[in-house]
Amino acid sequence: MDDLAGLYIATLKVLGDTLVTMTGSKWDAAMQDATAQQRTDAALLMLSVQEARLTLANTALADILDKLKENEDGLQKGIDRLQGALDSLAKVERVLNSISSILSIVARIVPLVA
């Protein structure tokens, strides 16, 4: 349970870090060079990240323990990949793909609208 609680906290943290990054000046500068489609995708993903973070934060850990356990490996890999993409911001597309990847895993744990 402690490992899963840590994973739950790490997931919330990386989703929060993602929102902070996507509202920062470096991200804004990266968006200036992005294609129109990438900017649209980024805006939609930002809304999805916020929804995932709020939904996960408002769900009791005990209620999602089994689903968290089922998705533990993928979620940890997704967290690591997303954190690396956020740290470098080298390629907008890599960041967007990493965000999409972790959101698809979170959606297996808690229901998301988008």
N, C-alpha and C. Protein backbone atom coordinates (compact mmCIF):
# COMPACT_ATOMS: atom_id res chain seq x y z
N MET A 1 0.83 -1.20 0.00
CA MET A 1 0.00 0.00 0.00
C MET A 1 0.87 1.26 0.00
N ASP A 2 1.99 1.26 0.74
CA ASP A 2 2.85 2.44 0.77
C ASP A 2 3.39 2.77 -0.61
N ASP A 3 3.79 1.73 -1.36
CA ASP A 3 4.30 1.96 -2.71
C ASP A 3 3.21 2.56 -3.60
N LEU A 4 1.98 2.06 -3.47
CA LEU A 4 0.88 2.58 -4.27
C LEU A 4 0.51 3.99 -3.84
N ALA A 5 0.59 4.27 -2.55
CA ALA A 5 0.33 5.63 -2.08
C ALA A 5 1.37 6.59 -2.64
N GLY A 6 2.62 6.15 -2.69
CA GLY A 6 3.68 6.96 -3.28
C GLY A 6 3.45 7.19 -4.76
N LEU A 7 2.98 6.16 -5.46
CA LEU A 7 2.69 6.28 -6.88
C LEU A 7 1.53 7.25 -7.11
N TYR A 8 0.53 7.17 -6.27
CA TYR A 8 -0.63 8.08 -6.32
C TYR A 8 -0.14 9.52 -6.15
N ILE A 9 0.70 9.75 -5.16
CA ILE A 9 1.23 11.09 -4.90
C ILE A 9 2.12 11.55 -6.06
N ALA A 10 2.96 10.64 -6.57
CA ALA A 10 3.84 10.99 -7.68
C ALA A 10 3.03 11.35 -8.93
N THR A 11 1.93 10.65 -9.14
CA THR A 11 1.07 10.95 -10.29
C THR A 11 0.45 12.33 -10.15
N LEU A 12 -0.07 12.62 -8.96
CA LEU A 12 -0.63 13.96 -8.73
C LEU A 12 0.43 15.04 -8.92
N LYS A 13 1.63 14.76 -8.44
CA LYS A 13 2.72 15.74 -8.56
C LYS A 13 3.09 16.00 -10.01
N VAL A 14 3.24 14.94 -10.80
CA VAL A 14 3.65 15.15 -12.20
C VAL A 14 2.53 15.84 -12.98
N LEU A 15 1.28 15.56 -12.64
CA LEU A 15 0.19 16.27 -13.31
C LEU A 15 0.21 17.76 -12.94
N GLY A 16 0.47 18.04 -11.68
CA GLY A 16 0.60 19.44 -11.24
C GLY A 16 1.79 20.12 -11.89
N ASP A 17 2.92 19.42 -11.94
CA ASP A 17 4.12 19.96 -12.61
C ASP A 17 3.84 20.24 -14.08
N THR A 18 3.05 19.39 -14.69
CA THR A 18 2.70 19.58 -16.09
C THR A 18 1.92 20.88 -16.29
N LEU A 19 0.96 21.12 -15.40
CA LEU A 19 0.18 22.36 -15.51
C LEU A 19 1.07 23.59 -15.29
N VAL A 20 1.96 23.50 -14.33
CA VAL A 20 2.88 24.62 -14.07
C VAL A 20 3.75 24.87 -15.31
N THR A 21 4.27 23.81 -15.89
CA THR A 21 5.11 23.94 -17.08
C THR A 21 4.32 24.54 -18.24
N MET A 22 3.08 24.06 -18.43
CA MET A 22 2.29 24.50 -19.57
C MET A 22 1.77 25.93 -19.42
N THR A 23 1.95 26.52 -18.25
CA THR A 23 1.56 27.92 -18.06
C THR A 23 2.78 28.82 -17.87
N GLY A 24 3.96 28.26 -18.09
CA GLY A 24 5.19 29.01 -17.89
C GLY A 24 5.71 29.67 -19.16
N SER A 25 6.69 30.53 -18.98
CA SER A 25 7.24 31.30 -20.10
C SER A 25 8.02 30.42 -21.09
N LYS A 26 8.70 29.38 -20.61
CA LYS A 26 9.43 28.49 -21.53
C LYS A 26 8.47 27.75 -22.45
N TRP A 27 7.35 27.30 -21.88
CA TRP A 27 6.34 26.61 -22.69
C TRP A 27 5.74 27.59 -23.70
N ASP A 28 5.46 28.80 -23.23
CA ASP A 28 4.90 29.81 -24.12
C ASP A 28 5.85 30.06 -25.29
N ALA A 29 7.12 30.15 -25.01
CA ALA A 29 8.11 30.35 -26.07
C ALA A 29 8.14 29.16 -27.03
N ALA A 30 8.03 27.95 -26.48
CA ALA A 30 8.01 26.76 -27.32
C ALA A 30 6.76 26.74 -28.19
N MET A 31 5.66 27.22 -27.66
CA MET A 31 4.41 27.25 -28.43
C MET A 31 4.48 28.24 -29.59
N GLN A 32 5.33 29.25 -29.48
CA GLN A 32 5.47 30.21 -30.58
C GLN A 32 6.01 29.55 -31.83
N ASP A 33 6.82 28.52 -31.66
CA ASP A 33 7.40 27.80 -32.80
C ASP A 33 6.58 26.56 -33.18
N ALA A 34 5.53 26.28 -32.43
CA ALA A 34 4.72 25.09 -32.68
C ALA A 34 3.76 25.32 -33.85
N THR A 35 3.32 24.24 -34.43
CA THR A 35 2.32 24.34 -35.50
C THR A 35 0.97 24.67 -34.89
N ALA A 36 0.04 25.07 -35.71
CA ALA A 36 -1.31 25.38 -35.23
C ALA A 36 -1.94 24.14 -34.59
N GLN A 37 -1.70 22.97 -35.19
CA GLN A 37 -2.25 21.73 -34.63
C GLN A 37 -1.64 21.42 -33.27
N GLN A 38 -0.33 21.64 -33.13
CA GLN A 38 0.32 21.40 -31.84
C GLN A 38 -0.22 22.35 -30.78
N ARG A 39 -0.47 23.59 -31.13
CA ARG A 39 -1.03 24.53 -30.17
C ARG A 39 -2.43 24.12 -29.75
N THR A 40 -3.22 23.66 -30.70
CA THR A 40 -4.57 23.17 -30.38
C THR A 40 -4.49 21.94 -29.49
N ASP A 41 -3.63 21.01 -29.86
CA ASP A 41 -3.45 19.79 -29.05
C ASP A 41 -3.00 20.14 -27.64
N ALA A 42 -2.08 21.09 -27.52
CA ALA A 42 -1.56 21.49 -26.21
C ALA A 42 -2.68 22.09 -25.35
N ALA A 43 -3.51 22.92 -25.95
CA ALA A 43 -4.61 23.53 -25.19
C ALA A 43 -5.59 22.47 -24.70
N LEU A 44 -5.92 21.53 -25.57
CA LEU A 44 -6.84 20.45 -25.18
C LEU A 44 -6.23 19.55 -24.11
N LEU A 45 -4.94 19.27 -24.26
CA LEU A 45 -4.26 18.44 -23.27
C LEU A 45 -4.18 19.15 -21.91
N MET A 46 -4.00 20.46 -21.92
CA MET A 46 -3.93 21.19 -20.65
C MET A 46 -5.25 21.02 -19.89
N LEU A 47 -6.36 21.11 -20.61
CA LEU A 47 -7.67 20.90 -19.97
C LEU A 47 -7.80 19.47 -19.45
N SER A 48 -7.32 18.51 -20.22
CA SER A 48 -7.38 17.11 -19.81
C SER A 48 -6.49 16.84 -18.60
N VAL A 49 -5.34 17.46 -18.55
CA VAL A 49 -4.44 17.31 -17.40
C VAL A 49 -5.12 17.85 -16.15
N GLN A 50 -5.74 19.00 -16.26
CA GLN A 50 -6.43 19.59 -15.12
C GLN A 50 -7.56 18.68 -14.64
N GLU A 51 -8.33 18.14 -15.59
CA GLU A 51 -9.41 17.23 -15.22
C GLU A 51 -8.86 15.98 -14.53
N ALA A 52 -7.81 15.40 -15.09
CA ALA A 52 -7.23 14.19 -14.52
C ALA A 52 -6.71 14.46 -13.11
N ARG A 53 -6.03 15.58 -12.93
CA ARG A 53 -5.48 15.93 -11.62
C ARG A 53 -6.60 16.11 -10.59
N LEU A 54 -7.62 16.85 -10.95
CA LEU A 54 -8.72 17.08 -10.01
C LEU A 54 -9.51 15.81 -9.72
N THR A 55 -9.76 15.01 -10.76
CA THR A 55 -10.50 13.76 -10.56
C THR A 55 -9.72 12.80 -9.67
N LEU A 56 -8.44 12.65 -9.96
CA LEU A 56 -7.60 11.76 -9.16
C LEU A 56 -7.48 12.26 -7.73
N ALA A 57 -7.30 13.56 -7.54
CA ALA A 57 -7.14 14.13 -6.21
C ALA A 57 -8.42 13.99 -5.38
N ASN A 58 -9.56 13.98 -6.03
CA ASN A 58 -10.83 13.89 -5.32
C ASN A 58 -11.33 12.46 -5.18
N THR A 59 -10.51 11.50 -5.56
CA THR A 59 -10.86 10.09 -5.43
C THR A 59 -10.05 9.50 -4.28
N ALA A 60 -10.73 8.83 -3.39
CA ALA A 60 -10.05 8.20 -2.25
C ALA A 60 -9.14 7.09 -2.75
N LEU A 61 -7.94 7.05 -2.22
CA LEU A 61 -6.96 6.04 -2.62
C LEU A 61 -7.53 4.63 -2.46
N ALA A 62 -8.25 4.38 -1.40
CA ALA A 62 -8.82 3.06 -1.17
C ALA A 62 -9.77 2.63 -2.29
N ASP A 63 -10.43 3.61 -2.91
CA ASP A 63 -11.40 3.31 -3.97
C ASP A 63 -10.74 2.91 -5.29
N ILE A 64 -9.48 3.27 -5.48
CA ILE A 64 -8.81 2.99 -6.76
C ILE A 64 -7.59 2.09 -6.61
N LEU A 65 -7.42 1.53 -5.43
CA LEU A 65 -6.23 0.73 -5.14
C LEU A 65 -6.01 -0.39 -6.16
N ASP A 66 -7.06 -1.14 -6.48
CA ASP A 66 -6.91 -2.26 -7.43
C ASP A 66 -6.51 -1.77 -8.81
N LYS A 67 -7.16 -0.71 -9.29
CA LYS A 67 -6.83 -0.18 -10.62
C LYS A 67 -5.43 0.43 -10.63
N LEU A 68 -5.04 1.04 -9.52
CA LEU A 68 -3.69 1.60 -9.41
C LEU A 68 -2.67 0.48 -9.50
N LYS A 69 -2.93 -0.61 -8.81
CA LYS A 69 -2.02 -1.77 -8.82
C LYS A 69 -1.91 -2.36 -10.22
N GLU A 70 -3.05 -2.47 -10.93
CA GLU A 70 -3.07 -3.02 -12.29
C GLU A 70 -2.24 -2.18 -13.26
N ASN A 71 -2.18 -0.90 -13.02
CA ASN A 71 -1.52 0.03 -13.94
C ASN A 71 -0.21 0.58 -13.39
N GLU A 72 0.30 -0.04 -12.34
CA GLU A 72 1.48 0.46 -11.64
C GLU A 72 2.70 0.64 -12.55
N ASP A 73 3.04 -0.38 -13.32
CA ASP A 73 4.23 -0.30 -14.18
C ASP A 73 4.08 0.79 -15.24
N GLY A 74 2.97 0.79 -15.93
CA GLY A 74 2.74 1.78 -16.98
C GLY A 74 2.71 3.19 -16.44
N LEU A 75 2.11 3.34 -15.28
CA LEU A 75 2.01 4.66 -14.66
C LEU A 75 3.39 5.17 -14.26
N GLN A 76 4.20 4.31 -13.67
CA GLN A 76 5.55 4.72 -13.27
C GLN A 76 6.40 5.10 -14.49
N LYS A 77 6.30 4.30 -15.54
CA LYS A 77 7.04 4.62 -16.77
C LYS A 77 6.53 5.93 -17.37
N GLY A 78 5.22 6.13 -17.33
CA GLY A 78 4.64 7.36 -17.85
C GLY A 78 5.07 8.58 -17.07
N ILE A 79 5.14 8.45 -15.75
CA ILE A 79 5.60 9.54 -14.90
C ILE A 79 7.05 9.89 -15.25
N ASP A 80 7.89 8.88 -15.34
CA ASP A 80 9.31 9.10 -15.66
C ASP A 80 9.48 9.75 -17.03
N ARG A 81 8.74 9.25 -18.02
CA ARG A 81 8.84 9.78 -19.38
C ARG A 81 8.35 11.23 -19.42
N LEU A 82 7.23 11.50 -18.76
CA LEU A 82 6.68 12.86 -18.77
C LEU A 82 7.60 13.82 -18.04
N GLN A 83 8.13 13.40 -16.90
CA GLN A 83 9.03 14.28 -16.16
C GLN A 83 10.27 14.61 -16.99
N GLY A 84 10.79 13.62 -17.70
CA GLY A 84 11.94 13.86 -18.57
C GLY A 84 11.60 14.83 -19.70
N ALA A 85 10.42 14.67 -20.28
CA ALA A 85 10.00 15.57 -21.36
C ALA A 85 9.80 16.99 -20.84
N LEU A 86 9.22 17.11 -19.65
CA LEU A 86 9.00 18.44 -19.07
C LEU A 86 10.32 19.11 -18.72
N ASP A 87 11.27 18.31 -18.24
CA ASP A 87 12.57 18.86 -17.85
C ASP A 87 13.34 19.41 -19.05
N SER A 88 13.19 18.77 -20.20
CA SER A 88 13.98 19.21 -21.35
C SER A 88 13.23 20.19 -22.25
N LEU A 89 11.95 20.00 -22.41
CA LEU A 89 11.13 20.82 -23.32
C LEU A 89 11.77 20.97 -24.69
N ALA A 90 12.61 20.01 -25.06
CA ALA A 90 13.32 20.09 -26.33
C ALA A 90 12.37 20.04 -27.52
N LYS A 91 11.40 19.16 -27.44
CA LYS A 91 10.47 19.01 -28.55
C LYS A 91 9.05 19.04 -28.02
N VAL A 92 8.27 19.95 -28.56
CA VAL A 92 6.87 20.10 -28.15
C VAL A 92 6.13 18.79 -28.37
N GLU A 93 6.36 18.16 -29.50
CA GLU A 93 5.65 16.92 -29.82
C GLU A 93 5.94 15.82 -28.80
N ARG A 94 7.18 15.74 -28.33
CA ARG A 94 7.54 14.73 -27.31
C ARG A 94 6.78 14.99 -26.02
N VAL A 95 6.68 16.25 -25.62
CA VAL A 95 5.95 16.60 -24.40
C VAL A 95 4.47 16.24 -24.57
N LEU A 96 3.89 16.61 -25.71
CA LEU A 96 2.47 16.33 -25.94
C LEU A 96 2.21 14.83 -25.94
N ASN A 97 3.08 14.06 -26.56
CA ASN A 97 2.92 12.60 -26.58
C ASN A 97 3.05 12.01 -25.17
N SER A 98 3.97 12.54 -24.38
CA SER A 98 4.15 12.06 -23.01
C SER A 98 2.93 12.38 -22.15
N ILE A 99 2.37 13.56 -22.35
CA ILE A 99 1.17 13.95 -21.61
C ILE A 99 0.02 13.02 -22.00
N SER A 100 -0.17 12.80 -23.28
CA SER A 100 -1.25 11.91 -23.75
C SER A 100 -1.10 10.52 -23.18
N SER A 101 0.13 10.04 -23.14
CA SER A 101 0.40 8.70 -22.64
C SER A 101 -0.02 8.54 -21.18
N ILE A 102 0.38 9.48 -20.34
CA ILE A 102 0.04 9.34 -18.92
C ILE A 102 -1.45 9.56 -18.69
N LEU A 103 -2.08 10.43 -19.48
CA LEU A 103 -3.52 10.63 -19.34
C LEU A 103 -4.29 9.37 -19.69
N SER A 104 -3.82 8.62 -20.67
CA SER A 104 -4.52 7.38 -21.03
C SER A 104 -4.42 6.35 -19.90
N ILE A 105 -3.34 6.38 -19.17
CA ILE A 105 -3.18 5.46 -18.04
C ILE A 105 -4.04 5.92 -16.86
N VAL A 106 -4.03 7.22 -16.58
CA VAL A 106 -4.88 7.75 -15.49
C VAL A 106 -6.35 7.46 -15.79
N ALA A 107 -6.74 7.52 -17.05
CA ALA A 107 -8.13 7.24 -17.43
C ALA A 107 -8.53 5.79 -17.16
N ARG A 108 -7.56 4.91 -17.04
CA ARG A 108 -7.87 3.51 -16.66
C ARG A 108 -8.12 3.39 -15.16
N ILE A 109 -7.67 4.40 -14.42
CA ILE A 109 -7.78 4.36 -12.96
C ILE A 109 -9.02 5.12 -12.48
N VAL A 110 -9.23 6.32 -13.03
CA VAL A 110 -10.41 7.11 -12.69
C VAL A 110 -11.09 7.53 -13.99
N PRO A 111 -12.41 7.64 -13.98
CA PRO A 111 -13.11 8.04 -15.21
C PRO A 111 -12.85 9.52 -15.52
N LEU A 112 -12.53 9.78 -16.78
CA LEU A 112 -12.32 11.14 -17.26
C LEU A 112 -13.32 11.43 -18.37
N VAL A 113 -13.79 12.64 -18.44
CA VAL A 113 -14.76 13.02 -19.45
C VAL A 113 -14.14 13.07 -20.84
N ALA A 114 -12.98 13.71 -20.93
CA ALA A 114 -12.34 13.91 -22.24
C ALA A 114 -11.61 12.69 -22.70
